[in-house]
Amino acid sequence: MPSALRPTLPQPSVTKFTNCRLVRGDSLVWEDVWVSSVTGKILQSQVAFYDEFITPDQTINLGGRIISPGFIDCQLNGAFGFNFSTLMNDMSEYGKQFRALNKKLVETGVTSYVPTVTSQTRDLYHKVLPYLAPSGSSRLASAGSESLGAHVEGPFISRTKNGIHDISVLQTPSTYSDLENVYGAANITPSASVSLPVKMITLAPELGQTTPSIIPGLRSNGIVVSIGHSEATFEEASAAVSAGATMITHLFNAMRPLHHRNPGIFGVLGTVPDSNFPRPYFGVIADGIHLHPTTVKIAWNAHPDGFILVTDAMHTLGLPDGRYEWLNGRGKDWIVKKGGELQLEGKGTIAGSSITLIECVNNFLEWSGASIPEGLKTVTATPAAMLGLKGVKGVLDPGTDADLVVLSEDISGGKRHLRVDEVWKFGVRVFGGASG
């Protein structure tokens, strides 16, 4: 059978992986791990065997390969021909294409992600955001990769740091109600019955009343606030962090550049953290186009515990080189894909990426000199902590979700290269394996 999702095959209830190296913090340890396809969780093997008299239904010898927690991508605009920022006449087709993307995306090792919607019109937000809500209690391995809730990047961003975002839809917020009007109140203001569709919002903190009132309001509603597409000075960025911003969107890109007299947003990573000013997490696109390899290494050394690799991939991920339509605010543009580089046609502006998260990890390992567990932490434990999912995802501890990636390690020419061999979601193998 081709390497693909196998939703119809019966699955053993308990699987034991042995002869494998597990990612534990910043180390690789030789240790067995047990998972349950019934609970979708990692089991405490000693308790299962000695106290509950459970024995594995199958034991898999991995021959020394690595088991990582499932990857988490915190900025994905689309993939395999589907763009999350798309308004369709028949929105049921949107849902169909979204589900198809999830089944393909999981094969890259991404078991969970934050689908990103760019600066768009009010009508688009109101219609698409409910589809991108957290998968929640469904917990279906056969569904593939799991949405953790949407990331809305704009339209409350700087007109001079807009990147490829349509300037005509950008806005300056005065009150929280301005955000509710644009995104839809049900999408950003909690109710007792449903999870919020929006998990994270990128804002320029220097605009309007963003820092004094809107950032605290979003944080109180459980939404991650990220600084991005911004002209913020160091002082303005610091004020935003003090107000509750905990993330920086694609560090260095679409923001005031580092200057020796005013380090801008990057400067907050060099401050001494305390209870009132924790240094924020930050996303880095390691595709070799958005940032120079040395810049990636500088960011890593500045604040390793906040470093998160993201793809910022567009719907061109997985597609051949060519010219692709993109709904941009009130109009349409064309994105030209040539190799790994995407540009907005006629403008030469970088338009996201077409890289996978495992490729980002491999680039990062080569450029930074970090260890394999340190590299994998940037796409597992660190993004999970940023999203408030510590103890649920991103680690291989008992009781956490059994989202796993089995990796082979190749070393040639002094370079380390990781390859995704298998992917397990909620204790069920959904990609790869001996029959793949």
Protein backbone atom coordinates (compact mmCIF):
# COMPACT_ATOMS: atom_id res chain seq x y z
CA MET A 1 0.00 0.00 0.00
CA PRO A 2 1.37 3.49 -0.80
CA SER A 3 2.52 5.62 2.13
CA ALA A 4 -0.76 7.32 2.98
CA LEU A 5 -3.43 7.48 5.64
CA ARG A 6 -5.04 4.13 6.37
CA PRO A 7 -8.27 5.06 8.17
CA THR A 8 -10.07 1.80 7.49
CA LEU A 9 -7.46 -0.66 8.80
CA PRO A 10 -7.95 -2.11 12.31
CA GLN A 11 -5.45 -0.76 14.82
CA PRO A 12 -3.93 -2.52 17.84
CA SER A 13 -5.11 -0.98 21.11
CA VAL A 14 -1.66 -0.74 22.68
CA THR A 15 1.61 -0.39 20.81
CA LYS A 16 5.05 -0.66 22.38
CA PHE A 17 8.02 0.95 20.62
CA THR A 18 11.38 -0.48 21.59
CA ASN A 19 15.05 -0.08 20.59
CA CYS A 20 14.43 3.61 19.95
CA ARG A 21 15.76 7.00 21.05
CA LEU A 22 13.22 9.37 22.52
CA VAL A 23 13.43 13.16 22.52
CA ARG A 24 13.53 14.10 26.21
CA GLY A 25 14.22 17.78 26.70
CA ASP A 26 17.61 18.49 25.12
CA SER A 27 18.65 14.83 25.06
CA LEU A 28 18.04 11.61 23.16
CA VAL A 29 17.47 8.70 25.55
CA TRP A 30 17.18 4.98 24.88
CA GLU A 31 13.77 4.16 26.27
CA ASP A 32 10.61 2.28 25.32
CA VAL A 33 7.33 4.12 24.87
CA TRP A 34 3.78 2.74 24.95
CA VAL A 35 0.79 4.35 23.23
CA SER A 36 -2.93 3.62 23.22
CA SER A 37 -5.14 4.03 20.18
CA VAL A 38 -8.19 3.89 22.47
CA THR A 39 -7.31 6.91 24.63
CA GLY A 40 -4.99 8.49 22.05
CA LYS A 41 -2.47 9.03 24.84
CA ILE A 42 1.02 7.95 25.82
CA LEU A 43 0.86 5.36 28.60
CA GLN A 44 2.83 5.06 31.81
CA SER A 45 4.30 1.69 30.88
CA GLN A 46 5.17 0.55 34.42
CA VAL A 47 1.66 1.29 35.68
CA ALA A 48 0.05 -0.29 32.61
CA PHE A 49 2.05 -3.52 32.92
CA TYR A 50 2.37 -4.05 36.68
CA ASP A 51 -0.78 -2.39 38.05
CA GLU A 52 -3.30 -2.70 35.23
CA PHE A 53 -1.92 -5.95 33.74
CA ILE A 54 -1.90 -4.52 30.23
CA THR A 55 0.36 -6.10 27.64
CA PRO A 56 1.09 -4.60 24.21
CA ASP A 57 -0.95 -5.78 21.25
CA GLN A 58 2.11 -5.17 19.10
CA THR A 59 5.77 -4.38 19.70
CA ILE A 60 7.72 -2.41 17.10
CA ASN A 61 11.51 -2.55 17.06
CA LEU A 62 12.68 0.74 15.55
CA GLY A 63 16.30 -0.30 15.16
CA GLY A 64 17.70 2.75 16.92
CA ARG A 65 15.62 5.34 15.10
CA ILE A 66 14.39 8.52 16.80
CA ILE A 67 10.89 9.14 18.13
CA SER A 68 9.93 12.81 18.29
CA PRO A 69 6.67 14.35 19.43
CA GLY A 70 4.51 15.33 16.48
CA PHE A 71 5.52 18.58 14.81
CA ILE A 72 3.53 21.79 15.36
CA ASP A 73 3.55 24.52 12.68
CA CYS A 74 2.41 27.88 14.06
CA GLN A 75 2.23 29.67 10.70
CA LEU A 76 0.86 27.86 7.67
CA ASN A 77 -1.08 29.83 5.04
CA GLY A 78 -2.05 26.79 3.01
CA ALA A 79 -0.61 23.80 1.15
CA PHE A 80 -1.21 21.39 -1.72
CA GLY A 81 -3.23 23.91 -3.71
CA PHE A 82 -5.53 25.07 -0.89
CA ASN A 83 -5.23 28.55 0.64
CA PHE A 84 -6.95 29.22 3.98
CA SER A 85 -7.58 32.84 2.89
CA THR A 86 -10.11 31.76 0.26
CA LEU A 87 -13.76 32.72 -0.04
CA MET A 88 -15.89 30.23 -1.97
CA ASN A 89 -19.45 30.44 -3.26
CA ASP A 90 -20.04 27.01 -1.78
CA MET A 91 -18.29 27.01 1.60
CA SER A 92 -18.89 23.28 1.98
CA GLU A 93 -16.20 22.94 -0.69
CA TYR A 94 -13.89 24.98 1.57
CA GLY A 95 -14.45 22.42 4.32
CA LYS A 96 -13.80 19.55 1.92
CA GLN A 97 -10.49 21.02 0.73
CA PHE A 98 -9.47 21.85 4.30
CA ARG A 99 -9.99 18.22 5.35
CA ALA A 100 -8.05 16.98 2.32
CA LEU A 101 -5.12 19.23 3.24
CA ASN A 102 -5.06 17.81 6.77
CA LYS A 103 -4.67 14.27 5.44
CA LYS A 104 -1.73 15.26 3.24
CA LEU A 105 -0.06 17.57 5.74
CA VAL A 106 0.29 14.87 8.39
CA GLU A 107 2.60 12.93 6.06
CA THR A 108 5.21 15.70 6.50
CA GLY A 109 5.33 15.08 10.27
CA VAL A 110 3.04 18.00 11.17
CA THR A 111 0.43 16.45 13.45
CA SER A 112 -0.95 19.81 14.69
CA TYR A 113 -0.84 23.34 13.34
CA VAL A 114 -2.27 26.86 13.43
CA PRO A 115 -3.84 27.67 10.04
CA THR A 116 -3.07 31.27 9.10
CA VAL A 117 -5.41 33.76 7.44
CA THR A 118 -3.82 36.94 6.08
CA SER A 119 -5.23 40.50 5.90
CA GLN A 120 -8.61 40.06 4.26
CA THR A 121 -12.13 41.49 4.22
CA ARG A 122 -14.64 41.22 7.04
CA ASP A 123 -16.84 38.90 4.98
CA LEU A 124 -14.03 36.42 4.42
CA TYR A 125 -13.09 36.26 8.11
CA HIS A 126 -16.67 35.68 9.20
CA LYS A 127 -17.09 32.78 6.78
CA VAL A 128 -13.76 30.95 6.95
CA LEU A 129 -12.68 31.23 10.60
CA PRO A 130 -15.34 28.82 11.95
CA TYR A 131 -13.93 26.10 9.67
CA LEU A 132 -10.45 26.57 11.20
CA ALA A 133 -11.54 26.16 14.83
CA PRO A 134 -9.67 23.69 17.04
CA SER A 135 -10.48 20.09 16.19
CA GLY A 136 -11.23 19.66 19.89
CA SER A 137 -12.90 16.48 21.07
CA SER A 138 -13.15 14.76 17.67
CA ARG A 139 -9.68 13.18 18.08
CA LEU A 140 -9.89 11.20 14.85
CA ALA A 141 -6.53 9.88 13.72
CA SER A 142 -7.98 9.31 10.27
CA ALA A 143 -8.57 13.08 9.92
CA GLY A 144 -4.82 13.66 9.73
CA SER A 145 -3.23 16.84 11.01
CA GLU A 146 -5.19 18.72 13.65
CA SER A 147 -6.06 22.41 13.70
CA LEU A 148 -5.27 24.12 17.00
CA GLY A 149 -7.27 27.19 16.02
CA ALA A 150 -6.64 29.94 13.49
CA HIS A 151 -3.83 32.49 13.39
CA VAL A 152 -5.13 35.78 11.99
CA GLU A 153 -2.23 37.81 10.55
CA GLY A 154 -3.70 41.28 10.06
CA PRO A 155 -5.47 43.47 9.07
CA PHE A 156 -4.33 45.52 12.11
CA ILE A 157 -0.77 45.86 10.86
CA SER A 158 1.54 48.63 9.60
CA ARG A 159 0.94 50.00 6.13
CA THR A 160 4.70 50.39 5.67
CA LYS A 161 5.52 46.83 6.78
CA ASN A 162 2.65 45.11 5.00
CA GLY A 163 4.77 42.68 2.97
CA ILE A 164 2.36 41.24 0.41
CA HIS A 165 -0.76 42.14 2.43
CA ASP A 166 -3.23 44.38 0.57
CA ILE A 167 -2.93 47.91 1.99
CA SER A 168 -6.56 48.73 1.15
CA VAL A 169 -7.89 46.39 3.87
CA LEU A 170 -5.49 47.40 6.66
CA GLN A 171 -7.00 49.11 9.70
CA THR A 172 -6.06 50.88 12.94
CA PRO A 173 -8.00 49.63 15.98
CA SER A 174 -9.46 51.89 18.65
CA THR A 175 -11.47 49.40 20.72
CA TYR A 176 -11.88 45.66 21.15
CA SER A 177 -15.18 46.02 19.33
CA ASP A 178 -13.23 46.96 16.20
CA LEU A 179 -11.69 43.48 16.25
CA GLU A 180 -15.05 41.83 16.92
CA ASN A 181 -16.52 43.66 13.94
CA VAL A 182 -13.76 42.53 11.60
CA TYR A 183 -13.25 38.95 12.78
CA GLY A 184 -16.72 38.24 14.14
CA ALA A 185 -17.43 38.41 17.87
CA ALA A 186 -18.04 34.66 18.11
CA ASN A 187 -14.55 34.04 16.73
CA ILE A 188 -12.60 36.00 19.37
CA THR A 189 -14.91 36.42 22.37
CA PRO A 190 -15.54 33.27 24.42
CA SER A 191 -18.91 31.69 25.05
CA ALA A 192 -19.71 28.76 27.29
CA SER A 193 -20.54 26.38 24.48
CA VAL A 194 -17.68 26.36 21.95
CA SER A 195 -13.92 26.78 21.66
CA LEU A 196 -12.77 29.99 20.04
CA PRO A 197 -11.91 29.54 16.36
CA VAL A 198 -9.06 32.08 16.70
CA LYS A 199 -5.99 31.01 18.67
CA MET A 200 -3.51 33.75 17.75
CA ILE A 201 -3.59 37.26 16.27
CA THR A 202 -0.67 39.21 14.78
CA LEU A 203 -0.89 42.96 15.47
CA ALA A 204 1.36 45.99 15.07
CA PRO A 205 1.50 47.29 18.67
CA GLU A 206 2.20 50.91 17.71
CA LEU A 207 -1.24 51.29 16.08
CA GLY A 208 -4.14 53.02 17.82
CA GLN A 209 -5.11 51.53 21.16
CA THR A 210 -3.51 48.14 20.50
CA THR A 211 -1.09 48.10 23.44
CA PRO A 212 -3.01 49.82 26.24
CA SER A 213 -6.37 48.07 25.83
CA ILE A 214 -6.63 45.55 22.99
CA ILE A 215 -3.67 43.30 23.85
CA PRO A 216 -4.86 42.80 27.46
CA GLY A 217 -8.39 42.10 26.21
CA LEU A 218 -7.20 39.41 23.81
CA ARG A 219 -5.00 37.80 26.45
CA SER A 220 -7.90 37.69 28.93
CA ASN A 221 -9.89 35.79 26.29
CA GLY A 222 -7.13 33.21 25.90
CA ILE A 223 -5.84 34.45 22.53
CA VAL A 224 -2.09 34.57 21.90
CA VAL A 225 -0.98 38.05 20.83
CA SER A 226 1.95 38.19 18.42
CA ILE A 227 3.88 41.30 17.35
CA GLY A 228 4.44 41.53 13.63
CA HIS A 229 4.28 43.53 10.39
CA SER A 230 5.27 46.47 12.52
CA GLU A 231 7.32 49.66 12.74
CA ALA A 232 7.47 49.32 16.54
CA THR A 233 10.48 50.75 18.32
CA PHE A 234 12.15 48.87 21.16
CA GLU A 235 10.10 50.90 23.63
CA GLU A 236 6.81 50.18 21.84
CA ALA A 237 7.62 46.47 21.55
CA SER A 238 8.58 46.35 25.22
CA ALA A 239 5.29 47.97 26.20
CA ALA A 240 3.40 45.38 24.14
CA VAL A 241 5.20 42.52 25.88
CA SER A 242 4.44 44.06 29.27
CA ALA A 243 0.77 44.33 28.21
CA GLY A 244 0.61 40.62 27.35
CA ALA A 245 2.08 39.96 23.89
CA THR A 246 3.95 36.64 24.06
CA MET A 247 4.99 35.95 20.45
CA ILE A 248 6.77 37.64 17.54
CA THR A 249 5.67 36.78 13.99
CA HIS A 250 8.50 35.75 11.59
CA LEU A 251 11.30 37.58 13.39
CA PHE A 252 13.24 40.12 11.27
CA ASN A 253 10.78 39.93 8.37
CA ALA A 254 8.27 42.79 7.90
CA MET A 255 9.48 44.81 10.87
CA ARG A 256 11.76 47.71 11.70
CA PRO A 257 15.31 46.42 11.22
CA LEU A 258 17.78 46.07 14.06
CA HIS A 259 19.63 49.37 14.63
CA HIS A 260 22.40 49.99 17.10
CA ARG A 261 20.61 52.98 18.62
CA ASN A 262 17.20 51.36 18.70
CA PRO A 263 17.07 47.57 18.31
CA GLY A 264 13.34 47.55 17.58
CA ILE A 265 11.32 44.39 18.17
CA PHE A 266 14.41 42.16 18.17
CA GLY A 267 15.66 44.09 21.19
CA VAL A 268 13.10 42.55 23.55
CA LEU A 269 14.93 39.22 23.19
CA GLY A 270 17.99 40.80 24.81
CA THR A 271 16.26 42.06 27.94
CA VAL A 272 16.50 40.45 31.36
CA PRO A 273 13.20 38.63 31.91
CA ASP A 274 11.16 38.94 35.09
CA SER A 275 7.61 38.18 36.20
CA ASN A 276 6.31 41.36 34.55
CA PHE A 277 8.37 41.04 31.39
CA PRO A 278 8.90 37.48 30.16
CA ARG A 279 10.86 37.37 26.93
CA PRO A 280 8.48 36.41 24.12
CA TYR A 281 8.57 33.41 21.83
CA PHE A 282 9.35 34.11 18.19
CA GLY A 283 8.88 32.47 14.80
CA VAL A 284 11.76 31.94 12.37
CA ILE A 285 11.48 30.91 8.70
CA ALA A 286 14.57 28.79 7.98
CA ASP A 287 14.18 28.42 4.23
CA GLY A 288 17.42 30.20 3.30
CA ILE A 289 15.44 32.95 1.54
CA HIS A 290 13.69 34.91 4.28
CA LEU A 291 16.80 34.98 6.50
CA HIS A 292 20.53 34.49 6.09
CA PRO A 293 21.77 31.36 7.91
CA THR A 294 23.88 33.50 10.24
CA THR A 295 20.81 35.58 11.13
CA VAL A 296 19.03 32.37 12.13
CA LYS A 297 21.99 31.44 14.33
CA ILE A 298 21.99 34.90 15.96
CA ALA A 299 18.29 34.56 16.78
CA TRP A 300 18.84 31.10 18.25
CA ASN A 301 21.70 32.29 20.46
CA ALA A 302 19.68 35.31 21.62
CA HIS A 303 16.88 33.26 23.19
CA PRO A 304 16.94 29.48 22.53
CA ASP A 305 13.93 28.78 24.76
CA GLY A 306 11.73 31.08 22.68
CA PHE A 307 12.89 29.91 19.24
CA ILE A 308 10.10 28.39 17.08
CA LEU A 309 10.60 27.23 13.51
CA VAL A 310 7.65 28.02 11.22
CA THR A 311 7.19 27.45 7.49
CA ASP A 312 4.97 30.43 6.52
CA ALA A 313 4.11 28.08 3.64
CA MET A 314 1.59 29.08 1.00
CA HIS A 315 -0.82 26.93 -1.03
CA THR A 316 2.07 26.37 -3.45
CA LEU A 317 3.63 23.86 -1.01
CA GLY A 318 3.69 20.53 -2.82
CA LEU A 319 2.98 22.10 -6.23
CA PRO A 320 5.34 22.47 -9.22
CA ASP A 321 6.91 25.76 -10.27
CA GLY A 322 4.43 28.11 -11.91
CA ARG A 323 2.10 31.07 -11.54
CA TYR A 324 -0.64 30.76 -8.92
CA GLU A 325 -3.63 32.95 -8.11
CA TRP A 326 -3.94 34.37 -4.63
CA LEU A 327 -6.92 36.17 -3.09
CA ASN A 328 -5.36 39.29 -1.56
CA GLY A 329 -7.70 41.54 0.40
CA ARG A 330 -10.19 43.10 -2.03
CA GLY A 331 -8.47 41.86 -5.18
CA LYS A 332 -6.40 39.08 -6.64
CA ASP A 333 -2.68 38.81 -7.16
CA TRP A 334 -0.39 36.21 -8.67
CA ILE A 335 2.36 34.38 -6.86
CA VAL A 336 5.22 33.04 -8.94
CA LYS A 337 6.93 29.91 -7.64
CA LYS A 338 10.46 29.22 -8.83
CA GLY A 339 12.22 26.52 -6.88
CA GLY A 340 11.96 27.34 -3.19
CA GLU A 341 11.28 31.04 -3.77
CA LEU A 342 7.86 32.68 -4.01
CA GLN A 343 7.40 36.25 -5.24
CA LEU A 344 4.42 38.50 -5.78
CA GLU A 345 4.28 38.95 -9.54
CA GLY A 346 5.45 42.37 -10.74
CA LYS A 347 6.67 43.45 -7.30
CA GLY A 348 9.47 41.06 -6.41
CA THR A 349 8.24 40.84 -2.80
CA ILE A 350 8.80 37.54 -1.00
CA ALA A 351 5.42 35.82 -0.75
CA GLY A 352 5.77 33.18 1.95
CA SER A 353 7.50 29.85 1.37
CA SER A 354 7.04 26.39 -0.07
CA ILE A 355 9.14 24.58 2.51
CA THR A 356 8.12 21.78 4.88
CA LEU A 357 8.80 21.89 8.60
CA ILE A 358 11.24 18.95 8.51
CA GLU A 359 13.24 20.85 5.86
CA CYS A 360 13.32 23.86 8.19
CA VAL A 361 14.62 21.62 10.98
CA ASN A 362 17.36 20.20 8.77
CA ASN A 363 18.43 23.69 7.66
CA PHE A 364 18.47 24.88 11.26
CA LEU A 365 20.62 21.95 12.39
CA GLU A 366 23.14 22.71 9.66
CA TRP A 367 23.29 26.47 10.29
CA SER A 368 23.13 26.64 14.09
CA GLY A 369 25.21 23.75 15.34
CA ALA A 370 22.34 22.81 17.66
CA SER A 371 21.82 19.18 18.64
CA ILE A 372 19.06 17.07 17.13
CA PRO A 373 16.86 17.24 20.25
CA GLU A 374 17.41 21.00 20.42
CA GLY A 375 16.33 21.28 16.78
CA LEU A 376 13.25 19.13 17.29
CA LYS A 377 12.28 21.11 20.38
CA THR A 378 11.77 24.16 18.14
CA VAL A 379 8.87 22.39 16.39
CA THR A 380 7.47 20.44 19.36
CA ALA A 381 7.83 21.47 23.01
CA THR A 382 8.46 25.18 22.40
CA PRO A 383 5.45 25.86 20.14
CA ALA A 384 3.27 23.73 22.44
CA ALA A 385 4.30 25.88 25.41
CA MET A 386 3.69 29.09 23.44
CA LEU A 387 0.17 27.93 22.58
CA GLY A 388 -0.63 26.98 26.17
CA LEU A 389 -0.54 23.25 25.43
CA LYS A 390 2.25 22.24 27.78
CA GLY A 391 1.42 18.80 29.17
CA VAL A 392 -0.89 18.06 26.24
CA LYS A 393 1.35 18.15 23.16
CA GLY A 394 5.00 18.61 22.25
CA VAL A 395 6.55 16.05 24.63
CA LEU A 396 6.59 12.27 25.09
CA ASP A 397 5.40 12.18 28.69
CA PRO A 398 2.71 9.78 29.93
CA GLY A 399 -0.75 11.32 29.61
CA THR A 400 0.13 13.54 26.64
CA ASP A 401 -1.34 13.06 23.19
CA ALA A 402 0.23 10.12 21.35
CA ASP A 403 1.30 12.20 18.33
CA LEU A 404 4.65 10.77 17.22
CA VAL A 405 7.11 11.09 14.36
CA VAL A 406 9.61 8.30 13.69
CA LEU A 407 12.78 9.71 12.17
CA SER A 408 15.84 8.27 10.47
CA GLU A 409 19.12 10.09 10.93
CA ASP A 410 21.53 10.32 8.01
CA ILE A 411 25.01 11.78 8.31
CA SER A 412 26.89 12.45 5.11
CA GLY A 413 29.59 14.99 4.41
CA GLY A 414 29.49 16.01 8.05
CA LYS A 415 25.84 17.14 7.74
CA ARG A 416 22.97 15.72 9.74
CA HIS A 417 19.74 15.04 7.92
CA LEU A 418 16.47 13.81 9.43
CA ARG A 419 13.87 11.95 7.38
CA VAL A 420 10.24 11.32 8.35
CA ASP A 421 9.66 7.55 8.21
CA GLU A 422 6.39 7.18 10.12
CA VAL A 423 3.74 9.43 11.64
CA TRP A 424 1.37 8.37 14.44
CA LYS A 425 -1.69 10.39 15.44
CA PHE A 426 -3.50 9.63 18.70
CA GLY A 427 -1.70 6.28 18.90
CA VAL A 428 -2.57 5.23 15.35
CA ARG A 429 -0.08 4.95 12.52
CA VAL A 430 -1.27 7.21 9.72
CA PHE A 431 1.81 7.33 7.52
CA GLY A 432 4.70 5.03 6.66
CA GLY A 433 5.56 1.77 8.32
CA ALA A 434 6.67 -1.61 7.10
CA SER A 435 3.84 -1.93 4.61
CA GLY A 436 4.34 1.64 3.33
